[in-house]
């Protein structure tokens, strides 16, 4: 008796479905592997079919920007401004960590959709409602954005997920040879590494990075709002 093969229904193709698929490809394979061809393959259609709903890869990147911004929660402007800004940039870091490719997209888009304009307006409103001028608001947001983006880019580049479970053995092996000699020549940096390795015996590196992010964020916010 022959088995009946039931084809899985793809459902109608639309822009929302295309963008959700683009997000999955970027997360799984990296932004460099996102193309109209890879999108079509993932969706089970010819690449040409996508052009009925989306013009080109640039429009895809603009759409990804909107998807990411919609994921970032902007706290209410009511309450303590320092705490509000901390909550905002914690939310941003959470999204940037979940999508390590995000900074290179968010920082390069030149088109301003309604979603992006609304996001920027709400950010500005946080400081404007607290009495800061337009120029002061821009400068404060720029400083904070630079810190958070820089931290997340560096954090993603470190690839701590490749370290063994104990988090430190690779680093310990690096400094196990001629440690005394290294400490004599580079007392500050090797001293830091030694201290860092001791910290990781009690905490995971991810927890330590969370602490470092909070420390830097606190310094920036105190400085820019002083």
N, C-alpha and C. Protein backbone atom coordinates (compact mmCIF):
# COMPACT_ATOMS: atom_id res chain seq x y z
N UNK A 1 0.85 -1.20 0.00
CA UNK A 1 0.00 0.00 0.00
C UNK A 1 0.88 1.25 0.00
N UNK A 2 0.61 2.12 -0.95
CA UNK A 2 1.41 3.33 -1.05
C UNK A 2 1.06 4.33 0.05
N UNK A 3 2.10 4.96 0.58
CA UNK A 3 1.87 6.00 1.57
C UNK A 3 1.51 7.31 0.89
N UNK A 4 0.58 7.99 1.46
CA UNK A 4 0.17 9.28 0.91
C UNK A 4 1.04 10.37 1.50
N UNK A 5 1.72 11.10 0.65
CA UNK A 5 2.59 12.18 1.11
C UNK A 5 1.79 13.47 1.17
N UNK A 6 1.69 14.01 2.34
CA UNK A 6 0.94 15.25 2.53
C UNK A 6 1.91 16.42 2.54
N UNK A 7 1.78 17.31 1.60
CA UNK A 7 2.64 18.49 1.53
C UNK A 7 2.26 19.50 2.60
N UNK A 8 3.27 20.01 3.25
CA UNK A 8 3.05 21.01 4.29
C UNK A 8 2.67 22.34 3.67
N UNK A 9 1.58 22.90 4.14
CA UNK A 9 1.12 24.17 3.61
C UNK A 9 2.03 25.30 4.09
N UNK A 10 2.50 26.10 3.16
CA UNK A 10 3.38 27.22 3.51
C UNK A 10 2.59 28.41 4.00
N UNK A 11 1.37 28.53 3.55
CA UNK A 11 0.59 29.70 3.88
C UNK A 11 0.94 30.83 2.93
N UNK A 12 0.12 31.86 2.91
CA UNK A 12 0.36 32.97 1.98
C UNK A 12 1.64 33.73 2.33
N UNK A 13 2.35 34.15 1.30
CA UNK A 13 3.58 34.91 1.48
C UNK A 13 3.23 36.38 1.63
N UNK A 14 3.81 37.03 2.64
CA UNK A 14 3.60 38.46 2.84
C UNK A 14 4.85 39.06 3.46
N UNK A 15 4.86 40.37 3.58
CA UNK A 15 6.06 41.05 4.06
C UNK A 15 6.40 40.66 5.49
N UNK A 16 5.39 40.52 6.35
CA UNK A 16 5.64 40.17 7.74
C UNK A 16 6.33 38.81 7.85
N UNK A 17 5.87 37.86 7.05
CA UNK A 17 6.46 36.52 7.07
C UNK A 17 7.90 36.57 6.55
N UNK A 18 8.12 37.36 5.52
CA UNK A 18 9.47 37.51 4.97
C UNK A 18 10.41 38.10 6.01
N UNK A 19 9.96 39.11 6.74
CA UNK A 19 10.81 39.77 7.73
C UNK A 19 11.10 38.84 8.90
N UNK A 20 10.11 38.08 9.34
CA UNK A 20 10.34 37.12 10.43
C UNK A 20 11.38 36.08 10.02
N UNK A 21 11.31 35.66 8.77
CA UNK A 21 12.27 34.68 8.27
C UNK A 21 13.66 35.30 8.15
N UNK A 22 13.74 36.55 7.71
CA UNK A 22 15.02 37.24 7.61
C UNK A 22 15.68 37.35 8.98
N UNK A 23 14.88 37.62 9.99
CA UNK A 23 15.39 37.71 11.36
C UNK A 23 15.98 36.38 11.81
N UNK A 24 15.30 35.29 11.49
CA UNK A 24 15.77 33.97 11.88
C UNK A 24 17.07 33.61 11.17
N UNK A 25 17.16 33.97 9.89
CA UNK A 25 18.40 33.68 9.14
C UNK A 25 19.57 34.47 9.72
N UNK A 26 19.35 35.75 9.99
CA UNK A 26 20.42 36.59 10.54
C UNK A 26 20.88 36.07 11.89
N UNK A 27 19.95 35.63 12.72
CA UNK A 27 20.29 35.11 14.04
C UNK A 27 21.06 33.79 13.95
N UNK A 28 20.64 32.94 13.04
CA UNK A 28 21.23 31.60 12.95
C UNK A 28 22.51 31.56 12.13
N UNK A 29 22.55 32.32 11.03
CA UNK A 29 23.66 32.20 10.09
C UNK A 29 24.49 33.49 9.94
N UNK A 30 24.07 34.56 10.57
CA UNK A 30 24.79 35.82 10.44
C UNK A 30 24.26 36.68 9.32
N UNK A 31 24.45 37.97 9.47
CA UNK A 31 23.91 38.93 8.49
C UNK A 31 24.53 38.73 7.11
N UNK A 32 25.76 38.27 7.06
CA UNK A 32 26.45 38.10 5.78
C UNK A 32 25.81 37.00 4.93
N UNK A 33 25.05 36.13 5.55
CA UNK A 33 24.39 35.05 4.81
C UNK A 33 22.92 35.33 4.54
N UNK A 34 22.51 36.54 4.82
CA UNK A 34 21.13 36.94 4.53
C UNK A 34 21.07 37.56 3.14
N UNK A 35 20.30 36.97 2.25
CA UNK A 35 20.15 37.47 0.88
C UNK A 35 18.76 37.12 0.39
N UNK A 36 18.39 37.68 -0.74
CA UNK A 36 17.10 37.35 -1.33
C UNK A 36 17.06 35.85 -1.66
N UNK A 37 18.19 35.31 -2.08
CA UNK A 37 18.24 33.89 -2.42
C UNK A 37 18.06 33.01 -1.19
N UNK A 38 18.78 33.35 -0.10
CA UNK A 38 18.66 32.55 1.12
C UNK A 38 17.26 32.67 1.73
N UNK A 39 16.67 33.85 1.59
CA UNK A 39 15.30 34.05 2.05
C UNK A 39 14.33 33.17 1.27
N UNK A 40 14.48 33.18 -0.05
CA UNK A 40 13.61 32.38 -0.88
C UNK A 40 13.73 30.90 -0.56
N UNK A 41 14.97 30.44 -0.37
CA UNK A 41 15.21 29.03 -0.05
C UNK A 41 14.56 28.66 1.27
N UNK A 42 14.69 29.52 2.27
CA UNK A 42 14.12 29.24 3.58
C UNK A 42 12.59 29.22 3.53
N UNK A 43 12.03 30.08 2.69
CA UNK A 43 10.57 30.17 2.57
C UNK A 43 10.00 29.16 1.58
N UNK A 44 10.88 28.49 0.83
CA UNK A 44 10.43 27.50 -0.13
C UNK A 44 9.85 28.09 -1.39
N UNK A 45 10.37 29.29 -1.79
CA UNK A 45 9.89 29.94 -3.00
C UNK A 45 11.10 30.43 -3.81
N UNK A 46 10.86 30.77 -5.06
CA UNK A 46 11.91 31.38 -5.86
C UNK A 46 12.17 32.80 -5.36
N UNK A 47 13.42 33.23 -5.45
CA UNK A 47 13.77 34.58 -4.98
C UNK A 47 12.94 35.65 -5.66
N UNK A 48 12.61 35.42 -6.93
CA UNK A 48 11.83 36.40 -7.68
C UNK A 48 10.46 36.64 -7.05
N UNK A 49 9.92 35.63 -6.37
CA UNK A 49 8.60 35.77 -5.74
C UNK A 49 8.63 36.82 -4.62
N UNK A 50 9.80 37.03 -4.03
CA UNK A 50 9.91 37.97 -2.92
C UNK A 50 9.72 39.41 -3.39
N UNK A 51 10.06 39.69 -4.63
CA UNK A 51 10.02 41.05 -5.13
C UNK A 51 8.61 41.60 -5.26
N UNK A 52 7.62 40.74 -5.13
CA UNK A 52 6.23 41.21 -5.12
C UNK A 52 5.91 41.90 -3.79
N UNK A 53 6.71 41.59 -2.77
CA UNK A 53 6.43 42.09 -1.43
C UNK A 53 7.52 43.01 -0.89
N UNK A 54 8.73 42.87 -1.42
CA UNK A 54 9.86 43.64 -0.90
C UNK A 54 10.82 43.95 -2.05
N UNK A 55 11.38 45.15 -2.08
CA UNK A 55 12.14 45.59 -3.25
C UNK A 55 13.53 44.99 -3.33
N UNK A 56 14.26 44.99 -2.20
CA UNK A 56 15.65 44.55 -2.23
C UNK A 56 16.14 44.30 -0.81
N UNK A 57 17.43 43.97 -0.69
CA UNK A 57 17.99 43.68 0.63
C UNK A 57 17.98 44.91 1.53
N UNK A 58 18.13 46.10 0.95
CA UNK A 58 18.10 47.32 1.75
C UNK A 58 16.77 47.46 2.48
N UNK A 59 15.70 47.12 1.79
CA UNK A 59 14.38 47.19 2.44
C UNK A 59 14.27 46.13 3.55
N UNK A 60 14.93 45.00 3.34
CA UNK A 60 14.96 43.97 4.39
C UNK A 60 15.67 44.50 5.63
N UNK A 61 16.81 45.16 5.43
CA UNK A 61 17.57 45.70 6.56
C UNK A 61 16.78 46.79 7.28
N UNK A 62 16.06 47.61 6.52
CA UNK A 62 15.19 48.61 7.15
C UNK A 62 14.11 47.93 7.98
N UNK A 63 13.57 46.83 7.42
CA UNK A 63 12.54 46.09 8.14
C UNK A 63 13.08 45.44 9.40
N UNK A 64 14.31 44.93 9.34
CA UNK A 64 14.93 44.35 10.53
C UNK A 64 15.13 45.40 11.62
N UNK A 65 15.48 46.61 11.18
CA UNK A 65 15.63 47.71 12.13
C UNK A 65 14.32 47.94 12.88
N UNK A 66 13.22 47.96 12.15
CA UNK A 66 11.92 48.16 12.79
C UNK A 66 11.59 47.02 13.76
N UNK A 67 11.89 45.79 13.35
CA UNK A 67 11.61 44.65 14.22
C UNK A 67 12.39 44.75 15.53
N UNK A 68 13.67 45.14 15.43
CA UNK A 68 14.51 45.24 16.62
C UNK A 68 14.03 46.37 17.54
N UNK A 69 13.70 47.52 16.95
CA UNK A 69 13.27 48.65 17.75
C UNK A 69 11.96 48.35 18.47
N UNK A 70 11.10 47.57 17.84
CA UNK A 70 9.84 47.20 18.49
C UNK A 70 10.05 46.27 19.67
N UNK A 71 11.19 45.61 19.72
CA UNK A 71 11.50 44.71 20.82
C UNK A 71 12.06 45.46 22.04
N UNK A 72 12.54 46.69 21.83
CA UNK A 72 13.16 47.46 22.92
C UNK A 72 12.08 48.28 23.64
N UNK A 73 11.88 47.95 24.87
CA UNK A 73 10.86 48.65 25.66
C UNK A 73 11.42 49.97 26.18
N UNK A 74 10.70 51.05 25.95
CA UNK A 74 11.08 52.36 26.47
C UNK A 74 10.26 52.64 27.71
N UNK A 75 10.90 52.80 28.86
CA UNK A 75 10.15 53.04 30.11
C UNK A 75 9.40 54.36 30.07
N UNK A 76 8.48 54.50 30.97
CA UNK A 76 7.74 55.75 31.10
C UNK A 76 8.66 56.87 31.53
N UNK A 77 8.37 58.09 31.07
CA UNK A 77 9.19 59.25 31.43
C UNK A 77 8.90 59.72 32.86
N UNK A 78 7.90 59.15 33.49
CA UNK A 78 7.59 59.52 34.87
C UNK A 78 8.55 58.80 35.81
N UNK A 79 8.98 59.50 36.85
CA UNK A 79 9.88 58.88 37.81
C UNK A 79 11.29 59.41 37.69
N UNK A 80 12.21 58.77 38.40
CA UNK A 80 13.61 59.19 38.44
C UNK A 80 14.27 58.97 37.08
N UNK A 81 14.84 60.03 36.49
CA UNK A 81 15.40 59.93 35.14
C UNK A 81 16.57 58.96 35.08
N UNK A 82 17.43 58.97 36.09
CA UNK A 82 18.58 58.07 36.07
C UNK A 82 18.13 56.61 36.03
N UNK A 83 17.15 56.27 36.84
CA UNK A 83 16.64 54.90 36.85
C UNK A 83 15.94 54.55 35.54
N UNK A 84 15.26 55.54 34.96
CA UNK A 84 14.58 55.32 33.69
C UNK A 84 15.58 55.03 32.58
N UNK A 85 16.66 55.82 32.53
CA UNK A 85 17.68 55.60 31.51
C UNK A 85 18.40 54.27 31.70
N UNK A 86 18.64 53.90 32.94
CA UNK A 86 19.27 52.60 33.20
C UNK A 86 18.39 51.47 32.67
N UNK A 87 17.09 51.58 32.93
CA UNK A 87 16.15 50.55 32.46
C UNK A 87 16.13 50.49 30.94
N UNK A 88 16.15 51.66 30.29
CA UNK A 88 16.14 51.72 28.83
C UNK A 88 17.36 51.02 28.24
N UNK A 89 18.54 51.33 28.76
CA UNK A 89 19.75 50.77 28.16
C UNK A 89 20.02 49.34 28.59
N UNK A 90 19.43 48.92 29.68
CA UNK A 90 19.43 47.48 29.98
C UNK A 90 18.60 46.74 28.94
N UNK A 91 17.46 47.33 28.60
CA UNK A 91 16.60 46.73 27.57
C UNK A 91 17.31 46.68 26.23
N UNK A 92 18.04 47.74 25.90
CA UNK A 92 18.77 47.76 24.62
C UNK A 92 19.85 46.68 24.61
N UNK A 93 20.59 46.56 25.68
CA UNK A 93 21.64 45.55 25.73
C UNK A 93 21.04 44.14 25.59
N UNK A 94 19.90 43.91 26.20
CA UNK A 94 19.24 42.60 26.12
C UNK A 94 18.97 42.23 24.65
N UNK A 95 18.47 43.20 23.87
CA UNK A 95 18.17 42.95 22.47
C UNK A 95 19.45 42.79 21.65
N UNK A 96 20.45 43.63 21.93
CA UNK A 96 21.71 43.55 21.19
C UNK A 96 22.44 42.24 21.47
N UNK A 97 22.30 41.73 22.69
CA UNK A 97 22.91 40.43 23.02
C UNK A 97 22.19 39.30 22.29
N UNK A 98 20.87 39.40 22.20
CA UNK A 98 20.08 38.36 21.54
C UNK A 98 20.32 38.34 20.03
N UNK A 99 20.71 39.51 19.49
CA UNK A 99 20.95 39.64 18.04
C UNK A 99 22.29 40.35 17.84
N UNK A 100 23.42 39.63 17.97
CA UNK A 100 24.74 40.26 17.93
C UNK A 100 25.05 41.06 16.67
N UNK A 101 24.35 40.79 15.59
CA UNK A 101 24.55 41.50 14.33
C UNK A 101 23.83 42.85 14.32
N UNK A 102 22.99 43.09 15.31
CA UNK A 102 22.11 44.26 15.31
C UNK A 102 22.82 45.61 15.21
N UNK A 103 23.94 45.85 15.92
CA UNK A 103 24.57 47.17 15.83
C UNK A 103 24.93 47.60 14.41
N UNK A 104 25.40 46.66 13.59
CA UNK A 104 25.80 47.04 12.23
C UNK A 104 24.61 47.36 11.35
N UNK A 105 23.41 46.95 11.77
CA UNK A 105 22.19 47.32 11.04
C UNK A 105 21.63 48.63 11.57
N UNK A 106 21.46 48.71 12.88
CA UNK A 106 20.84 49.89 13.48
C UNK A 106 21.65 51.15 13.21
N UNK A 107 22.96 51.02 13.11
CA UNK A 107 23.82 52.19 12.93
C UNK A 107 24.01 52.61 11.48
N UNK A 108 23.46 51.84 10.54
CA UNK A 108 23.72 52.16 9.13
C UNK A 108 22.46 52.55 8.35
N UNK A 109 21.31 52.42 8.96
CA UNK A 109 20.06 52.72 8.24
C UNK A 109 19.84 54.23 8.12
N UNK A 110 19.51 54.68 6.92
CA UNK A 110 19.30 56.10 6.66
C UNK A 110 17.83 56.46 6.50
N UNK A 111 16.99 55.45 6.31
CA UNK A 111 15.56 55.70 6.18
C UNK A 111 14.91 55.74 7.56
N UNK A 112 13.95 56.62 7.71
CA UNK A 112 13.26 56.77 8.99
C UNK A 112 11.79 56.39 8.82
N UNK A 113 11.47 55.17 9.24
CA UNK A 113 10.08 54.71 9.20
C UNK A 113 9.32 55.33 10.37
N UNK A 114 8.01 55.14 10.37
CA UNK A 114 7.20 55.62 11.49
C UNK A 114 7.64 54.96 12.79
N UNK A 115 7.99 53.69 12.71
CA UNK A 115 8.43 52.97 13.91
C UNK A 115 9.72 53.57 14.45
N UNK A 116 10.64 53.86 13.56
CA UNK A 116 11.92 54.43 14.00
C UNK A 116 11.75 55.84 14.52
N UNK A 117 10.95 56.65 13.83
CA UNK A 117 10.70 58.02 14.29
C UNK A 117 10.03 58.02 15.66
N UNK A 118 9.09 57.12 15.85
CA UNK A 118 8.39 57.04 17.14
C UNK A 118 9.35 56.63 18.25
N UNK A 119 10.26 55.69 17.94
CA UNK A 119 11.24 55.25 18.93
C UNK A 119 12.16 56.39 19.33
N UNK A 120 12.67 57.12 18.33
CA UNK A 120 13.57 58.23 18.61
C UNK A 120 12.85 59.34 19.39
N UNK A 121 11.61 59.61 19.01
CA UNK A 121 10.84 60.64 19.70
C UNK A 121 10.66 60.30 21.17
N UNK A 122 10.35 59.05 21.46
CA UNK A 122 10.15 58.63 22.85
C UNK A 122 11.43 58.68 23.66
N UNK A 123 12.57 58.41 23.00
CA UNK A 123 13.85 58.54 23.70
C UNK A 123 14.12 60.00 24.06
N UNK A 124 13.93 60.88 23.08
CA UNK A 124 14.15 62.30 23.33
C UNK A 124 13.21 62.82 24.41
N UNK A 125 11.99 62.31 24.41
CA UNK A 125 10.98 62.79 25.36
C UNK A 125 11.39 62.54 26.81
N UNK A 126 12.13 61.45 27.05
CA UNK A 126 12.55 61.13 28.40
C UNK A 126 13.34 62.29 29.02
N UNK A 127 14.26 62.85 28.23
CA UNK A 127 15.11 63.93 28.73
C UNK A 127 14.47 65.30 28.60
N UNK A 128 13.71 65.49 27.52
CA UNK A 128 13.04 66.77 27.33
C UNK A 128 12.03 67.02 28.43
N UNK A 129 11.32 65.97 28.85
CA UNK A 129 10.35 66.11 29.93
C UNK A 129 11.01 66.44 31.25
N UNK A 130 12.31 66.13 31.35
CA UNK A 130 13.05 66.42 32.58
C UNK A 130 13.74 67.78 32.52
N UNK A 131 13.53 68.53 31.43
CA UNK A 131 14.04 69.89 31.34
C UNK A 131 15.30 70.08 30.53
N UNK A 132 15.80 69.04 29.89
CA UNK A 132 17.02 69.18 29.09
C UNK A 132 16.69 69.78 27.73
N UNK A 133 17.63 70.59 27.21
CA UNK A 133 17.43 71.19 25.89
C UNK A 133 17.60 70.13 24.81
N UNK A 134 17.24 70.49 23.59
CA UNK A 134 17.40 69.58 22.46
C UNK A 134 18.85 69.14 22.30
N UNK A 135 19.78 70.13 22.37
CA UNK A 135 21.20 69.82 22.20
C UNK A 135 21.72 68.95 23.34
N UNK A 136 21.34 69.28 24.57
CA UNK A 136 21.76 68.47 25.72
C UNK A 136 21.23 67.04 25.59
N UNK A 137 19.99 66.93 25.18
CA UNK A 137 19.37 65.61 25.02
C UNK A 137 20.12 64.77 24.01
N UNK A 138 20.43 65.36 22.86
CA UNK A 138 21.16 64.66 21.81
C UNK A 138 22.52 64.19 22.32
N UNK A 139 23.24 65.07 23.02
CA UNK A 139 24.58 64.73 23.49
C UNK A 139 24.55 63.62 24.54
N UNK A 140 23.57 63.67 25.43
CA UNK A 140 23.45 62.65 26.46
C UNK A 140 23.13 61.30 25.84
N UNK A 141 22.17 61.28 24.92
CA UNK A 141 21.80 60.03 24.26
C UNK A 141 22.96 59.47 23.43
N UNK A 142 23.70 60.36 22.77
CA UNK A 142 24.85 59.92 21.97
C UNK A 142 25.90 59.26 22.86
N UNK A 143 26.19 59.85 24.01
CA UNK A 143 27.18 59.29 24.93
C UNK A 143 26.74 57.91 25.42
N UNK A 144 25.48 57.80 25.79
CA UNK A 144 24.98 56.53 26.30
C UNK A 144 24.91 55.46 25.21
N UNK A 145 24.48 55.87 24.02
CA UNK A 145 24.43 54.94 22.89
C UNK A 145 25.83 54.40 22.58
N UNK A 146 26.81 55.29 22.59
CA UNK A 146 28.18 54.90 22.28
C UNK A 146 28.69 53.87 23.28
N UNK A 147 28.37 54.08 24.55
CA UNK A 147 28.81 53.13 25.58
C UNK A 147 28.14 51.77 25.38
N UNK A 148 26.82 51.76 25.25
CA UNK A 148 26.09 50.50 25.17
C UNK A 148 26.43 49.74 23.89
N UNK A 149 26.47 50.43 22.76
CA UNK A 149 26.81 49.77 21.50
C UNK A 149 28.24 49.22 21.57
N UNK A 150 29.17 50.03 22.07
CA UNK A 150 30.55 49.59 22.16
C UNK A 150 30.71 48.38 23.06
N UNK A 151 30.03 48.39 24.19
CA UNK A 151 30.11 47.27 25.13
C UNK A 151 29.57 46.00 24.48
N UNK A 152 28.43 46.13 23.80
CA UNK A 152 27.78 44.95 23.19
C UNK A 152 28.59 44.41 22.02
N UNK A 153 29.19 45.29 21.22
CA UNK A 153 30.03 44.83 20.11
C UNK A 153 31.24 44.07 20.64
N UNK A 154 31.86 44.62 21.67
CA UNK A 154 33.03 43.96 22.25
C UNK A 154 32.63 42.65 22.92
N UNK A 155 31.51 42.68 23.61
CA UNK A 155 31.01 41.48 24.29
C UNK A 155 30.74 40.36 23.30
N UNK A 156 30.13 40.70 22.17
CA UNK A 156 29.84 39.69 21.13
C UNK A 156 31.12 39.16 20.52
N UNK A 157 32.13 40.02 20.36
CA UNK A 157 33.38 39.62 19.76
C UNK A 157 34.21 38.70 20.63
N UNK A 158 34.01 38.79 21.95
CA UNK A 158 34.79 37.95 22.85
C UNK A 158 34.41 36.48 22.75
N UNK A 159 33.19 36.18 22.35
CA UNK A 159 32.73 34.80 22.16
C UNK A 159 33.00 33.91 23.36
N UNK A 160 32.55 34.33 24.52
CA UNK A 160 32.76 33.53 25.72
C UNK A 160 32.00 32.20 25.68
N UNK A 161 31.06 32.09 24.74
CA UNK A 161 30.33 30.83 24.63
C UNK A 161 31.22 29.69 24.15
N UNK A 162 32.41 30.02 23.63
CA UNK A 162 33.33 28.99 23.16
C UNK A 162 34.24 28.46 24.26
N UNK A 163 34.21 29.10 25.42
CA UNK A 163 35.05 28.66 26.51
C UNK A 163 34.48 27.38 27.13
N UNK A 164 35.31 26.56 27.77
CA UNK A 164 34.81 25.35 28.43
C UNK A 164 33.91 25.72 29.60
N UNK A 165 33.27 24.69 30.19
CA UNK A 165 32.26 24.94 31.20
C UNK A 165 32.79 25.68 32.42
N UNK A 166 34.07 25.42 32.78
CA UNK A 166 34.60 26.11 33.96
C UNK A 166 34.97 27.55 33.67
N UNK A 167 34.83 27.98 32.39
CA UNK A 167 34.97 29.38 31.99
C UNK A 167 36.39 29.91 31.95
N UNK A 168 37.33 29.27 32.64
CA UNK A 168 38.63 29.92 32.82
C UNK A 168 39.83 29.10 32.37
N UNK A 169 39.66 27.81 32.11
CA UNK A 169 40.83 26.97 31.88
C UNK A 169 41.67 27.43 30.69
N UNK A 170 41.01 27.94 29.64
CA UNK A 170 41.76 28.42 28.48
C UNK A 170 42.66 29.59 28.86
N UNK A 171 42.12 30.50 29.65
CA UNK A 171 42.90 31.66 30.08
C UNK A 171 44.01 31.25 31.04
N UNK A 172 43.70 30.31 31.94
CA UNK A 172 44.71 29.86 32.89
C UNK A 172 45.89 29.23 32.17
N UNK A 173 45.61 28.44 31.15
CA UNK A 173 46.69 27.82 30.38
C UNK A 173 47.56 28.87 29.70
N UNK A 174 46.94 29.96 29.28
CA UNK A 174 47.67 31.01 28.59
C UNK A 174 48.71 31.65 29.50
N UNK A 175 48.38 31.79 30.79
CA UNK A 175 49.27 32.48 31.72
C UNK A 175 50.01 31.51 32.65
N UNK A 176 49.83 30.21 32.43
CA UNK A 176 50.48 29.25 33.31
C UNK A 176 51.99 29.23 33.10
N UNK A 177 52.42 29.44 31.85
CA UNK A 177 53.84 29.41 31.52
C UNK A 177 54.48 30.78 31.77
N UNK A 178 55.57 30.75 32.50
CA UNK A 178 56.34 31.98 32.78
C UNK A 178 55.48 33.08 33.40
N UNK A 179 54.57 32.69 34.31
CA UNK A 179 53.68 33.69 34.91
C UNK A 179 54.46 34.75 35.68
N UNK A 180 55.48 34.32 36.40
CA UNK A 180 56.28 35.28 37.17
C UNK A 180 56.98 36.26 36.25
N UNK A 181 57.52 35.74 35.14
CA UNK A 181 58.19 36.59 34.16
C UNK A 181 57.20 37.59 33.55
N UNK A 182 56.00 37.12 33.20
CA UNK A 182 54.98 37.99 32.62
C UNK A 182 54.55 39.07 33.61
N UNK A 183 54.39 38.68 34.87
CA UNK A 183 53.97 39.64 35.88
C UNK A 183 55.01 40.74 36.08
N UNK A 184 56.28 40.36 35.97
CA UNK A 184 57.36 41.34 36.12
C UNK A 184 57.33 42.36 34.99
N UNK A 185 57.09 41.88 33.78
CA UNK A 185 57.09 42.77 32.61
C UNK A 185 55.78 43.53 32.44
N UNK A 186 54.67 42.90 32.80
CA UNK A 186 53.35 43.51 32.60
C UNK A 186 52.52 43.43 33.89
N UNK A 187 52.99 44.10 34.95
CA UNK A 187 52.35 43.92 36.26
C UNK A 187 50.89 44.34 36.31
N UNK A 188 50.52 45.38 35.57
CA UNK A 188 49.14 45.87 35.65
C UNK A 188 48.16 44.94 34.96
N UNK A 189 48.47 44.59 33.73
CA UNK A 189 47.53 43.75 32.98
C UNK A 189 47.51 42.32 33.51
N UNK A 190 48.67 41.73 33.75
CA UNK A 190 48.71 40.36 34.27
C UNK A 190 48.11 40.32 35.67
N UNK A 191 48.30 41.39 36.41
CA UNK A 191 47.66 41.48 37.73
C UNK A 191 46.14 41.47 37.61
N UNK A 192 45.64 42.18 36.61
CA UNK A 192 44.19 42.19 36.37
C UNK A 192 43.70 40.80 35.99
N UNK A 193 44.40 40.13 35.05
CA UNK A 193 43.99 38.80 34.61
C UNK A 193 43.95 37.83 35.79
N UNK A 194 44.96 37.91 36.65
CA UNK A 194 45.00 37.04 37.83
C UNK A 194 43.78 37.27 38.71
N UNK A 195 43.47 38.55 38.93
CA UNK A 195 42.29 38.89 39.72
C UNK A 195 41.01 38.42 39.05
N UNK A 196 40.95 38.58 37.71
CA UNK A 196 39.77 38.18 36.95
C UNK A 196 39.52 36.68 37.08
N UNK A 197 40.59 35.90 36.98
CA UNK A 197 40.47 34.45 37.06
C UNK A 197 39.99 34.02 38.45
N UNK A 198 40.41 34.73 39.47
CA UNK A 198 39.96 34.41 40.82
C UNK A 198 38.46 34.70 40.96
N UNK A 199 38.02 35.77 40.33
CA UNK A 199 36.59 36.11 40.39
C UNK A 199 35.74 35.04 39.72
N UNK A 200 36.27 34.47 38.64
CA UNK A 200 35.48 33.48 37.89
C UNK A 200 35.38 32.14 38.60
N UNK A 201 36.17 31.94 39.67
CA UNK A 201 36.01 30.71 40.43
C UNK A 201 34.73 30.75 41.24
N UNK A 202 34.19 31.96 41.46
CA UNK A 202 32.97 32.11 42.23
C UNK A 202 31.76 32.46 41.37
N UNK A 203 32.03 33.09 40.22
CA UNK A 203 30.93 33.54 39.37
C UNK A 203 31.20 33.16 37.91
N UNK A 204 30.13 33.03 37.14
CA UNK A 204 30.28 32.81 35.71
C UNK A 204 30.68 34.11 35.04
N UNK A 205 31.37 34.00 33.91
CA UNK A 205 31.82 35.18 33.19
C UNK A 205 30.63 36.05 32.79
N UNK A 206 29.52 35.41 32.42
CA UNK A 206 28.34 36.18 32.03
C UNK A 206 27.86 37.08 33.16
N UNK A 207 27.89 36.55 34.39
CA UNK A 207 27.49 37.35 35.55
C UNK A 207 28.45 38.51 35.77
N UNK A 208 29.74 38.25 35.58
CA UNK A 208 30.75 39.29 35.74
C UNK A 208 30.53 40.40 34.70
N UNK A 209 30.23 40.01 33.46
CA UNK A 209 29.98 41.00 32.41
C UNK A 209 28.75 41.84 32.72
N UNK A 210 27.74 41.23 33.30
CA UNK A 210 26.56 41.99 33.71
C UNK A 210 26.96 43.06 34.73
N UNK A 211 27.82 42.68 35.65
CA UNK A 211 28.28 43.63 36.68
C UNK A 211 29.10 44.75 36.05
N UNK A 212 29.97 44.40 35.10
CA UNK A 212 30.79 45.42 34.45
C UNK A 212 29.93 46.39 33.64
N UNK A 213 28.91 45.84 32.98
CA UNK A 213 28.00 46.71 32.21
C UNK A 213 27.29 47.69 33.14
N UNK A 214 26.80 47.20 34.27
CA UNK A 214 26.09 48.05 35.22
C UNK A 214 27.02 49.12 35.80
N UNK A 215 28.26 48.73 36.07
CA UNK A 215 29.24 49.68 36.61
C UNK A 215 29.47 50.82 35.62
N UNK A 216 29.72 50.46 34.36
CA UNK A 216 29.96 51.48 33.35
C UNK A 216 28.74 52.33 33.09
N UNK A 217 27.57 51.71 33.04
CA UNK A 217 26.33 52.45 32.80
C UNK A 217 26.08 53.46 33.91
N UNK A 218 26.34 53.04 35.14
CA UNK A 218 26.16 53.94 36.29
C UNK A 218 27.09 55.14 36.20
N UNK A 219 28.35 54.90 35.81
CA UNK A 219 29.32 55.99 35.67
C UNK A 219 28.88 56.96 34.58
N UNK A 220 28.48 56.44 33.44
CA UNK A 220 28.06 57.29 32.31
C UNK A 220 26.86 58.14 32.69
N UNK A 221 25.86 57.52 33.29
CA UNK A 221 24.63 58.25 33.61
C UNK A 221 24.90 59.33 34.66
N UNK A 222 25.69 59.01 35.66
CA UNK A 222 26.05 60.01 36.67
C UNK A 222 26.81 61.18 36.03
N UNK A 223 27.68 60.84 35.08
CA UNK A 223 28.50 61.88 34.44
C UNK A 223 27.67 62.77 33.54
N UNK A 224 26.85 62.17 32.67
CA UNK A 224 26.13 62.96 31.69
C UNK A 224 24.96 63.73 32.31
N UNK A 225 24.48 63.26 33.47
CA UNK A 225 23.36 63.95 34.13
C UNK A 225 23.83 64.81 35.29
N UNK A 226 25.13 64.95 35.45
CA UNK A 226 25.65 65.74 36.58
C UNK A 226 25.42 67.22 36.36
